[in-house]
């Protein structure tokens, strides 16, 4: 089961990467500082097995990485976050 919502407004300068069948934005991309921020209005991985299965999501993100000139297949997400007493800082979105 997916958790999904839509945006009340699209920030100026953002591009829509994916839409729902009714045309509302489901994923947007915008510049943030020196980088790019991709924000999804849908959480498709409630069942984490969907996140690790090869399929359309993998191809979608590989295409985005190729467009950005990023190398894929790197082990950058294979890490453990140390347990501590201080919670991580919250990300302040630019909209």
PDB file of N, CA and C in Angstrom:
ATOM      1  N   UNK A   1       0.839  -1.176   0.000  1.00  0.00           N
ATOM      2  CA  UNK A   1       0.000   0.000   0.000  1.00  0.00           C
ATOM      3  C   UNK A   1       0.885   1.242   0.000  1.00  0.00           C
ATOM      4  N   UNK A   2       0.547   2.216  -0.811  1.00  0.00           N
ATOM      5  CA  UNK A   2       1.314   3.458  -0.907  1.00  0.00           C
ATOM      6  C   UNK A   2       0.704   4.531  -0.016  1.00  0.00           C
ATOM      7  N   UNK A   3       1.549   5.398   0.515  1.00  0.00           N
ATOM      8  CA  UNK A   3       1.108   6.638   1.145  1.00  0.00           C
ATOM      9  C   UNK A   3       1.270   7.703   0.084  1.00  0.00           C
ATOM     10  N   UNK A   4       0.217   8.470  -0.210  1.00  0.00           N
ATOM     11  CA  UNK A   4       0.317   9.460  -1.275  1.00  0.00           C
ATOM     12  C   UNK A   4      -0.480  10.708  -0.929  1.00  0.00           C
ATOM     13  N   UNK A   5      -0.011  11.827  -1.434  1.00  0.00           N
ATOM     14  CA  UNK A   5      -0.684  13.110  -1.308  1.00  0.00           C
ATOM     15  C   UNK A   5      -0.283  13.935  -2.517  1.00  0.00           C
ATOM     16  N   UNK A   6      -0.737  15.177  -2.588  1.00  0.00           N
ATOM     17  CA  UNK A   6      -0.282  16.030  -3.681  1.00  0.00           C
ATOM     18  C   UNK A   6       0.152  17.375  -3.105  1.00  0.00           C
ATOM     19  N   UNK A   7       0.764  18.177  -3.930  1.00  0.00           N
ATOM     20  CA  UNK A   7       1.308  19.465  -3.493  1.00  0.00           C
ATOM     21  C   UNK A   7       0.218  20.532  -3.543  1.00  0.00           C
ATOM     22  N   UNK A   8       0.154  21.371  -2.515  1.00  0.00           N
ATOM     23  CA  UNK A   8      -0.798  22.477  -2.539  1.00  0.00           C
ATOM     24  C   UNK A   8      -0.324  23.542  -3.527  1.00  0.00           C
ATOM     25  N   UNK A   9       0.984  23.629  -3.725  1.00  0.00           N
ATOM     26  CA  UNK A   9       1.557  24.528  -4.726  1.00  0.00           C
ATOM     27  C   UNK A   9       2.915  23.989  -5.148  1.00  0.00           C
ATOM     28  N   UNK A  10       3.295  24.279  -6.364  1.00  0.00           N
ATOM     29  CA  UNK A  10       4.607  23.873  -6.875  1.00  0.00           C
ATOM     30  C   UNK A  10       5.521  25.089  -6.750  1.00  0.00           C
ATOM     31  N   UNK A  11       6.671  24.947  -6.089  1.00  0.00           N
ATOM     32  CA  UNK A  11       7.579  26.091  -5.943  1.00  0.00           C
ATOM     33  C   UNK A  11       8.037  26.633  -7.296  1.00  0.00           C
ATOM     34  N   UNK A  12       8.239  27.925  -7.374  1.00  0.00           N
ATOM     35  CA  UNK A  12       8.721  28.548  -8.606  1.00  0.00           C
ATOM     36  C   UNK A  12      10.072  27.948  -8.980  1.00  0.00           C
ATOM     37  N   UNK A  13      10.248  27.629 -10.233  1.00  0.00           N
ATOM     38  CA  UNK A  13      11.493  27.060 -10.726  1.00  0.00           C
ATOM     39  C   UNK A  13      11.561  25.546 -10.630  1.00  0.00           C
ATOM     40  N   UNK A  14      10.560  24.920 -10.005  1.00  0.00           N
ATOM     41  CA  UNK A  14      10.557  23.458  -9.890  1.00  0.00           C
ATOM     42  C   UNK A  14      10.075  22.838 -11.197  1.00  0.00           C
ATOM     43  N   UNK A  15      10.603  21.651 -11.494  1.00  0.00           N
ATOM     44  CA  UNK A  15      10.099  20.909 -12.648  1.00  0.00           C
ATOM     45  C   UNK A  15       9.406  19.649 -12.135  1.00  0.00           C
ATOM     46  N   UNK A  16       8.331  19.283 -12.793  1.00  0.00           N
ATOM     47  CA  UNK A  16       7.559  18.107 -12.406  1.00  0.00           C
ATOM     48  C   UNK A  16       8.183  16.885 -13.069  1.00  0.00           C
ATOM     49  N   UNK A  17       8.545  15.895 -12.260  1.00  0.00           N
ATOM     50  CA  UNK A  17       9.167  14.669 -12.775  1.00  0.00           C
ATOM     51  C   UNK A  17       8.159  13.547 -12.992  1.00  0.00           C
ATOM     52  N   UNK A  18       7.084  13.540 -12.187  1.00  0.00           N
ATOM     53  CA  UNK A  18       6.089  12.469 -12.296  1.00  0.00           C
ATOM     54  C   UNK A  18       4.741  13.032 -11.870  1.00  0.00           C
ATOM     55  N   UNK A  19       3.681  12.513 -12.482  1.00  0.00           N
ATOM     56  CA  UNK A  19       2.330  12.953 -12.150  1.00  0.00           C
ATOM     57  C   UNK A  19       1.442  11.758 -11.836  1.00  0.00           C
ATOM     58  N   UNK A  20       0.354  12.045 -11.139  1.00  0.00           N
ATOM     59  CA  UNK A  20      -0.700  11.064 -10.914  1.00  0.00           C
ATOM     60  C   UNK A  20      -1.560  10.999 -12.183  1.00  0.00           C
ATOM     61  N   UNK A  21      -2.410   9.998 -12.311  1.00  0.00           N
ATOM     62  CA  UNK A  21      -3.274   9.911 -13.495  1.00  0.00           C
ATOM     63  C   UNK A  21      -4.145  11.156 -13.725  1.00  0.00           C
ATOM     64  N   UNK A  22      -4.468  11.896 -12.648  1.00  0.00           N
ATOM     65  CA  UNK A  22      -5.295  13.098 -12.815  1.00  0.00           C
ATOM     66  C   UNK A  22      -4.472  14.329 -13.190  1.00  0.00           C
ATOM     67  N   UNK A  23      -3.150  14.162 -13.366  1.00  0.00           N
ATOM     68  CA  UNK A  23      -2.286  15.259 -13.788  1.00  0.00           C
ATOM     69  C   UNK A  23      -1.628  16.035 -12.661  1.00  0.00           C
ATOM     70  N   UNK A  24      -2.010  15.789 -11.405  1.00  0.00           N
ATOM     71  CA  UNK A  24      -1.376  16.483 -10.289  1.00  0.00           C
ATOM     72  C   UNK A  24       0.054  15.973 -10.106  1.00  0.00           C
ATOM     73  N   UNK A  25       0.934  16.862  -9.661  1.00  0.00           N
ATOM     74  CA  UNK A  25       2.350  16.492  -9.495  1.00  0.00           C
ATOM     75  C   UNK A  25       2.513  15.456  -8.388  1.00  0.00           C
ATOM     76  N   UNK A  26       3.317  14.444  -8.661  1.00  0.00           N
ATOM     77  CA  UNK A  26       3.631  13.416  -7.673  1.00  0.00           C
ATOM     78  C   UNK A  26       5.091  13.501  -7.236  1.00  0.00           C
ATOM     79  N   UNK A  27       5.960  14.083  -8.076  1.00  0.00           N
ATOM     80  CA  UNK A  27       7.380  14.220  -7.754  1.00  0.00           C
ATOM     81  C   UNK A  27       7.905  15.469  -8.460  1.00  0.00           C
ATOM     82  N   UNK A  28       8.684  16.269  -7.727  1.00  0.00           N
ATOM     83  CA  UNK A  28       9.229  17.497  -8.312  1.00  0.00           C
ATOM     84  C   UNK A  28      10.737  17.560  -8.082  1.00  0.00           C
ATOM     85  N   UNK A  29      11.394  18.368  -8.919  1.00  0.00           N
ATOM     86  CA  UNK A  29      12.837  18.596  -8.790  1.00  0.00           C
ATOM     87  C   UNK A  29      13.055  20.105  -8.758  1.00  0.00           C
ATOM     88  N   UNK A  30      13.897  20.574  -7.834  1.00  0.00           N
ATOM     89  CA  UNK A  30      14.224  21.987  -7.787  1.00  0.00           C
ATOM     90  C   UNK A  30      15.656  22.177  -7.322  1.00  0.00           C
ATOM     91  N   UNK A  31      16.210  23.318  -7.685  1.00  0.00           N
ATOM     92  CA  UNK A  31      17.566  23.663  -7.271  1.00  0.00           C
ATOM     93  C   UNK A  31      17.531  24.053  -5.806  1.00  0.00           C
ATOM     94  N   UNK A  32      18.560  23.646  -5.088  1.00  0.00           N
ATOM     95  CA  UNK A  32      18.679  24.014  -3.675  1.00  0.00           C
ATOM     96  C   UNK A  32      20.161  24.191  -3.387  1.00  0.00           C
ATOM     97  N   UNK A  33      20.572  25.419  -3.132  1.00  0.00           N
ATOM     98  CA  UNK A  33      21.997  25.680  -2.941  1.00  0.00           C
ATOM     99  C   UNK A  33      22.754  25.331  -4.203  1.00  0.00           C
ATOM    100  N   UNK A  34      23.795  24.521  -4.075  1.00  0.00           N
ATOM    101  CA  UNK A  34      24.578  24.107  -5.245  1.00  0.00           C
ATOM    102  C   UNK A  34      24.117  22.780  -5.809  1.00  0.00           C
ATOM    103  N   UNK A  35      23.014  22.259  -5.285  1.00  0.00           N
ATOM    104  CA  UNK A  35      22.572  20.946  -5.733  1.00  0.00           C
ATOM    105  C   UNK A  35      21.142  20.937  -6.219  1.00  0.00           C
ATOM    106  N   UNK A  36      20.606  19.756  -6.311  1.00  0.00           N
ATOM    107  CA  UNK A  36      19.238  19.542  -6.761  1.00  0.00           C
ATOM    108  C   UNK A  36      18.511  18.732  -5.704  1.00  0.00           C
ATOM    109  N   UNK A  37      17.290  19.129  -5.428  1.00  0.00           N
ATOM    110  CA  UNK A  37      16.455  18.453  -4.441  1.00  0.00           C
ATOM    111  C   UNK A  37      15.306  17.789  -5.184  1.00  0.00           C
ATOM    112  N   UNK A  38      15.090  16.509  -4.948  1.00  0.00           N
ATOM    113  CA  UNK A  38      13.964  15.791  -5.531  1.00  0.00           C
ATOM    114  C   UNK A  38      13.034  15.436  -4.380  1.00  0.00           C
ATOM    115  N   UNK A  39      11.769  15.856  -4.503  1.00  0.00           N
ATOM    116  CA  UNK A  39      10.783  15.642  -3.443  1.00  0.00           C
ATOM    117  C   UNK A  39       9.631  14.828  -4.019  1.00  0.00           C
ATOM    118  N   UNK A  40       9.297  13.757  -3.345  1.00  0.00           N
ATOM    119  CA  UNK A  40       8.222  12.882  -3.800  1.00  0.00           C
ATOM    120  C   UNK A  40       7.008  13.042  -2.892  1.00  0.00           C
ATOM    121  N   UNK A  41       5.826  13.124  -3.490  1.00  0.00           N
ATOM    122  CA  UNK A  41       4.584  13.200  -2.729  1.00  0.00           C
ATOM    123  C   UNK A  41       4.000  11.812  -2.509  1.00  0.00           C
ATOM    124  N   UNK A  42       4.729  10.807  -2.924  1.00  0.00           N
ATOM    125  CA  UNK A  42       4.274   9.433  -2.733  1.00  0.00           C
ATOM    126  C   UNK A  42       5.396   8.636  -2.076  1.00  0.00           C
ATOM    127  N   UNK A  43       5.033   7.805  -1.129  1.00  0.00           N
ATOM    128  CA  UNK A  43       5.991   6.933  -0.447  1.00  0.00           C
ATOM    129  C   UNK A  43       5.650   5.521  -0.902  1.00  0.00           C
ATOM    130  N   UNK A  44       6.275   5.055  -1.981  1.00  0.00           N
ATOM    131  CA  UNK A  44       5.894   3.756  -2.532  1.00  0.00           C
ATOM    132  C   UNK A  44       6.464   2.560  -1.779  1.00  0.00           C
ATOM    133  N   UNK A  45       7.325   2.807  -0.815  1.00  0.00           N
ATOM    134  CA  UNK A  45       8.025   1.690  -0.198  1.00  0.00           C
ATOM    135  C   UNK A  45       7.536   1.382   1.215  1.00  0.00           C
ATOM    136  N   UNK A  46       6.223   1.480   1.454  1.00  0.00           N
ATOM    137  CA  UNK A  46       5.682   1.084   2.746  1.00  0.00           C
ATOM    138  C   UNK A  46       6.074  -0.357   3.039  1.00  0.00           C
ATOM    139  N   UNK A  47       6.013  -1.193   2.011  1.00  0.00           N
ATOM    140  CA  UNK A  47       6.507  -2.561   2.072  1.00  0.00           C
ATOM    141  C   UNK A  47       7.925  -2.494   1.511  1.00  0.00           C
ATOM    142  N   UNK A  48       8.917  -2.564   2.370  1.00  0.00           N
ATOM    143  CA  UNK A  48      10.298  -2.317   1.932  1.00  0.00           C
ATOM    144  C   UNK A  48      10.769  -3.283   0.849  1.00  0.00           C
ATOM    145  N   UNK A  49      10.104  -4.400   0.669  1.00  0.00           N
ATOM    146  CA  UNK A  49      10.536  -5.326  -0.383  1.00  0.00           C
ATOM    147  C   UNK A  49      10.408  -4.671  -1.758  1.00  0.00           C
ATOM    148  N   UNK A  50       9.479  -3.716  -1.918  1.00  0.00           N
ATOM    149  CA  UNK A  50       9.329  -3.029  -3.203  1.00  0.00           C
ATOM    150  C   UNK A  50      10.551  -2.178  -3.522  1.00  0.00           C
ATOM    151  N   UNK A  51      11.240  -1.707  -2.502  1.00  0.00           N
ATOM    152  CA  UNK A  51      12.398  -0.831  -2.709  1.00  0.00           C
ATOM    153  C   UNK A  51      13.612  -1.579  -3.241  1.00  0.00           C
ATOM    154  N   UNK A  52      13.684  -2.863  -2.994  1.00  0.00           N
ATOM    155  CA  UNK A  52      14.877  -3.606  -3.394  1.00  0.00           C
ATOM    156  C   UNK A  52      14.656  -4.499  -4.613  1.00  0.00           C
ATOM    157  N   UNK A  53      13.430  -4.568  -5.100  1.00  0.00           N
ATOM    158  CA  UNK A  53      13.161  -5.371  -6.287  1.00  0.00           C
ATOM    159  C   UNK A  53      13.513  -4.576  -7.541  1.00  0.00           C
ATOM    160  N   UNK A  54      14.174  -5.208  -8.511  1.00  0.00           N
ATOM    161  CA  UNK A  54      14.419  -4.511  -9.779  1.00  0.00           C
ATOM    162  C   UNK A  54      13.089  -4.154 -10.427  1.00  0.00           C
ATOM    163  N   UNK A  55      13.060  -3.028 -11.092  1.00  0.00           N
ATOM    164  CA  UNK A  55      11.812  -2.644 -11.746  1.00  0.00           C
ATOM    165  C   UNK A  55      11.836  -1.199 -12.175  1.00  0.00           C
ATOM    166  N   UNK A  56      10.650  -0.652 -12.352  1.00  0.00           N
ATOM    167  CA  UNK A  56      10.514   0.705 -12.875  1.00  0.00           C
ATOM    168  C   UNK A  56      11.140   1.757 -11.976  1.00  0.00           C
ATOM    169  N   UNK A  57      11.039   1.608 -10.645  1.00  0.00           N
ATOM    170  CA  UNK A  57      11.633   2.609  -9.748  1.00  0.00           C
ATOM    171  C   UNK A  57      13.142   2.656  -9.919  1.00  0.00           C
ATOM    172  N   UNK A  58      13.774   1.490 -10.040  1.00  0.00           N
ATOM    173  CA  UNK A  58      15.217   1.449 -10.229  1.00  0.00           C
ATOM    174  C   UNK A  58      15.599   2.163 -11.522  1.00  0.00           C
ATOM    175  N   UNK A  59      14.892   1.866 -12.598  1.00  0.00           N
ATOM    176  CA  UNK A  59      15.164   2.513 -13.880  1.00  0.00           C
ATOM    177  C   UNK A  59      14.914   4.007 -13.835  1.00  0.00           C
ATOM    178  N   UNK A  60      13.864   4.423 -13.130  1.00  0.00           N
ATOM    179  CA  UNK A  60      13.545   5.840 -13.017  1.00  0.00           C
ATOM    180  C   UNK A  60      14.697   6.596 -12.361  1.00  0.00           C
ATOM    181  N   UNK A  61      15.188   6.086 -11.230  1.00  0.00           N
ATOM    182  CA  UNK A  61      16.258   6.776 -10.526  1.00  0.00           C
ATOM    183  C   UNK A  61      17.600   6.653 -11.255  1.00  0.00           C
ATOM    184  N   UNK A  62      17.830   5.561 -11.962  1.00  0.00           N
ATOM    185  CA  UNK A  62      19.052   5.457 -12.770  1.00  0.00           C
ATOM    186  C   UNK A  62      19.042   6.487 -13.890  1.00  0.00           C
ATOM    187  N   UNK A  63      17.872   6.736 -14.470  1.00  0.00           N
ATOM    188  CA  UNK A  63      17.757   7.750 -15.516  1.00  0.00           C
ATOM    189  C   UNK A  63      18.045   9.133 -14.951  1.00  0.00           C
ATOM    190  N   UNK A  64      17.492   9.444 -13.779  1.00  0.00           N
ATOM    191  CA  UNK A  64      17.768  10.735 -13.142  1.00  0.00           C
ATOM    192  C   UNK A  64      19.261  10.891 -12.855  1.00  0.00           C
ATOM    193  N   UNK A  65      19.887   9.831 -12.357  1.00  0.00           N
ATOM    194  CA  UNK A  65      21.320   9.888 -12.068  1.00  0.00           C
ATOM    195  C   UNK A  65      22.122  10.115 -13.343  1.00  0.00           C
ATOM    196  N   UNK A  66      21.754   9.434 -14.422  1.00  0.00           N
ATOM    197  CA  UNK A  66      22.463   9.608 -15.703  1.00  0.00           C
ATOM    198  C   UNK A  66      22.312  11.040 -16.205  1.00  0.00           C
ATOM    199  N   UNK A  67      21.088  11.614 -16.099  1.00  0.00           N
ATOM    200  CA  UNK A  67      20.875  12.997 -16.521  1.00  0.00           C
ATOM    201  C   UNK A  67      21.741  13.967 -15.728  1.00  0.00           C
ATOM    202  N   UNK A  68      21.951  13.647 -14.445  1.00  0.00           N
ATOM    203  CA  UNK A  68      22.753  14.522 -13.582  1.00  0.00           C
ATOM    204  C   UNK A  68      24.244  14.234 -13.692  1.00  0.00           C
ATOM    205  N   UNK A  69      24.625  13.195 -14.481  1.00  0.00           N
ATOM    206  CA  UNK A  69      26.028  12.851 -14.626  1.00  0.00           C
ATOM    207  C   UNK A  69      26.594  12.091 -13.435  1.00  0.00           C
ATOM    208  N   UNK A  70      25.704  11.471 -12.642  1.00  0.00           N
ATOM    209  CA  UNK A  70      26.138  10.726 -11.461  1.00  0.00           C
ATOM    210  C   UNK A  70      26.424   9.267 -11.811  1.00  0.00           C
ATOM    211  N   UNK A  71      27.419   8.713 -11.173  1.00  0.00           N
ATOM    212  CA  UNK A  71      27.749   7.301 -11.328  1.00  0.00           C
ATOM    213  C   UNK A  71      26.773   6.472 -10.506  1.00  0.00           C
ATOM    214  N   UNK A  72      26.304   5.372 -11.066  1.00  0.00           N
ATOM    215  CA  UNK A  72      25.406   4.491 -10.314  1.00  0.00           C
ATOM    216  C   UNK A  72      26.147   3.234  -9.882  1.00  0.00           C
ATOM    217  N   UNK A  73      25.516   2.475  -9.013  1.00  0.00           N
ATOM    218  CA  UNK A  73      26.101   1.219  -8.551  1.00  0.00           C
ATOM    219  C   UNK A  73      27.159   1.394  -7.475  1.00  0.00           C
ATOM    220  N   UNK A  74      27.282   2.602  -6.924  1.00  0.00           N
ATOM    221  CA  UNK A  74      28.258   2.843  -5.864  1.00  0.00           C
ATOM    222  C   UNK A  74      27.648   2.469  -4.522  1.00  0.00           C
ATOM    223  N   UNK A  75      28.452   2.038  -3.566  1.00  0.00           N
ATOM    224  CA  UNK A  75      27.914   1.596  -2.267  1.00  0.00           C
ATOM    225  C   UNK A  75      27.671   2.747  -1.284  1.00  0.00           C
ATOM    226  N   UNK A  76      27.174   3.902  -1.769  1.00  0.00           N
ATOM    227  CA  UNK A  76      27.052   5.059  -0.882  1.00  0.00           C
ATOM    228  C   UNK A  76      25.977   4.901   0.181  1.00  0.00           C
ATOM    229  N   UNK A  77      25.001   4.006  -0.017  1.00  0.00           N
ATOM    230  CA  UNK A  77      23.931   3.846   0.967  1.00  0.00           C
ATOM    231  C   UNK A  77      24.168   2.649   1.885  1.00  0.00           C
ATOM    232  N   UNK A  78      25.321   2.055   1.801  1.00  0.00           N
ATOM    233  CA  UNK A  78      25.605   0.894   2.647  1.00  0.00           C
ATOM    234  C   UNK A  78      26.361   1.349   3.894  1.00  0.00           C
ATOM    235  N   UNK A  79      25.646   1.973   4.781  1.00  0.00           N
ATOM    236  CA  UNK A  79      26.261   2.460   6.011  1.00  0.00           C
ATOM    237  C   UNK A  79      25.286   2.273   7.165  1.00  0.00           C
ATOM    238  N   UNK A  80      25.799   2.430   8.366  1.00  0.00           N
ATOM    239  CA  UNK A  80      24.981   2.336   9.570  1.00  0.00           C
ATOM    240  C   UNK A  80      25.027   3.678  10.279  1.00  0.00           C
ATOM    241  N   UNK A  81      23.866   4.186  10.655  1.00  0.00           N
ATOM    242  CA  UNK A  81      23.813   5.439  11.405  1.00  0.00           C
ATOM    243  C   UNK A  81      24.049   5.103  12.871  1.00  0.00           C
ATOM    244  N   UNK A  82      25.071   5.723  13.484  1.00  0.00           N
ATOM    245  CA  UNK A  82      25.353   5.401  14.883  1.00  0.00           C
ATOM    246  C   UNK A  82      24.205   5.828  15.795  1.00  0.00           C
ATOM    247  N   UNK A  83      23.943   5.023  16.791  1.00  0.00           N
ATOM    248  CA  UNK A  83      22.901   5.332  17.763  1.00  0.00           C
ATOM    249  C   UNK A  83      23.450   6.386  18.715  1.00  0.00           C
ATOM    250  N   UNK A  84      22.665   7.382  19.001  1.00  0.00           N
ATOM    251  CA  UNK A  84      23.123   8.445  19.886  1.00  0.00           C
ATOM    252  C   UNK A  84      21.966   9.078  20.630  1.00  0.00           C
ATOM    253  N   UNK A  85      22.295  10.018  21.499  1.00  0.00           N
ATOM    254  CA  UNK A  85      21.277  10.689  22.296  1.00  0.00           C
ATOM    255  C   UNK A  85      20.695  11.910  21.596  1.00  0.00           C
ATOM    256  N   UNK A  86      21.403  12.420  20.584  1.00  0.00           N
ATOM    257  CA  UNK A  86      20.964  13.624  19.897  1.00  0.00           C
ATOM    258  C   UNK A  86      20.248  13.256  18.601  1.00  0.00           C
ATOM    259  N   UNK A  87      18.993  13.714  18.424  1.00  0.00           N
ATOM    260  CA  UNK A  87      18.306  13.391  17.165  1.00  0.00           C
ATOM    261  C   UNK A  87      18.938  14.139  15.998  1.00  0.00           C
ATOM    262  N   UNK A  88      18.835  13.597  14.790  1.00  0.00           N
ATOM    263  CA  UNK A  88      19.410  14.282  13.620  1.00  0.00           C
ATOM    264  C   UNK A  88      18.660  15.586  13.358  1.00  0.00           C
ATOM    265  N   UNK A  89      19.313  16.554  12.724  1.00  0.00           N
ATOM    266  CA  UNK A  89      18.625  17.815  12.422  1.00  0.00           C
ATOM    267  C   UNK A  89      17.540  17.597  11.379  1.00  0.00           C
ATOM    268  N   UNK A  90      16.483  18.413  11.433  1.00  0.00           N
ATOM    269  CA  UNK A  90      15.430  18.321  10.449  1.00  0.00           C
ATOM    270  C   UNK A  90      15.841  19.054   9.181  1.00  0.00           C
ATOM    271  N   UNK A  91      15.417  18.513   8.050  1.00  0.00           N
ATOM    272  CA  UNK A  91      15.669  19.160   6.763  1.00  0.00           C
ATOM    273  C   UNK A  91      14.613  20.238   6.568  1.00  0.00           C
ATOM    274  N   UNK A  92      15.040  21.463   6.346  1.00  0.00           N
ATOM    275  CA  UNK A  92      14.127  22.577   6.089  1.00  0.00           C
ATOM    276  C   UNK A  92      13.989  22.733   4.581  1.00  0.00           C
ATOM    277  N   UNK A  93      12.837  22.364   4.054  1.00  0.00           N
ATOM    278  CA  UNK A  93      12.614  22.465   2.615  1.00  0.00           C
ATOM    279  C   UNK A  93      12.442  23.921   2.219  1.00  0.00           C
ATOM    280  N   UNK A  94      12.865  24.285   0.996  1.00  0.00           N
ATOM    281  CA  UNK A  94      12.831  25.679   0.568  1.00  0.00           C
ATOM    282  C   UNK A  94      11.454  26.154   0.097  1.00  0.00           C
ATOM    283  N   UNK A  95      10.384  25.535   0.544  1.00  0.00           N
ATOM    284  CA  UNK A  95       9.031  25.988   0.185  1.00  0.00           C
ATOM    285  C   UNK A  95       8.077  25.677   1.298  1.00  0.00           C
TER     286      UNK A  95
END
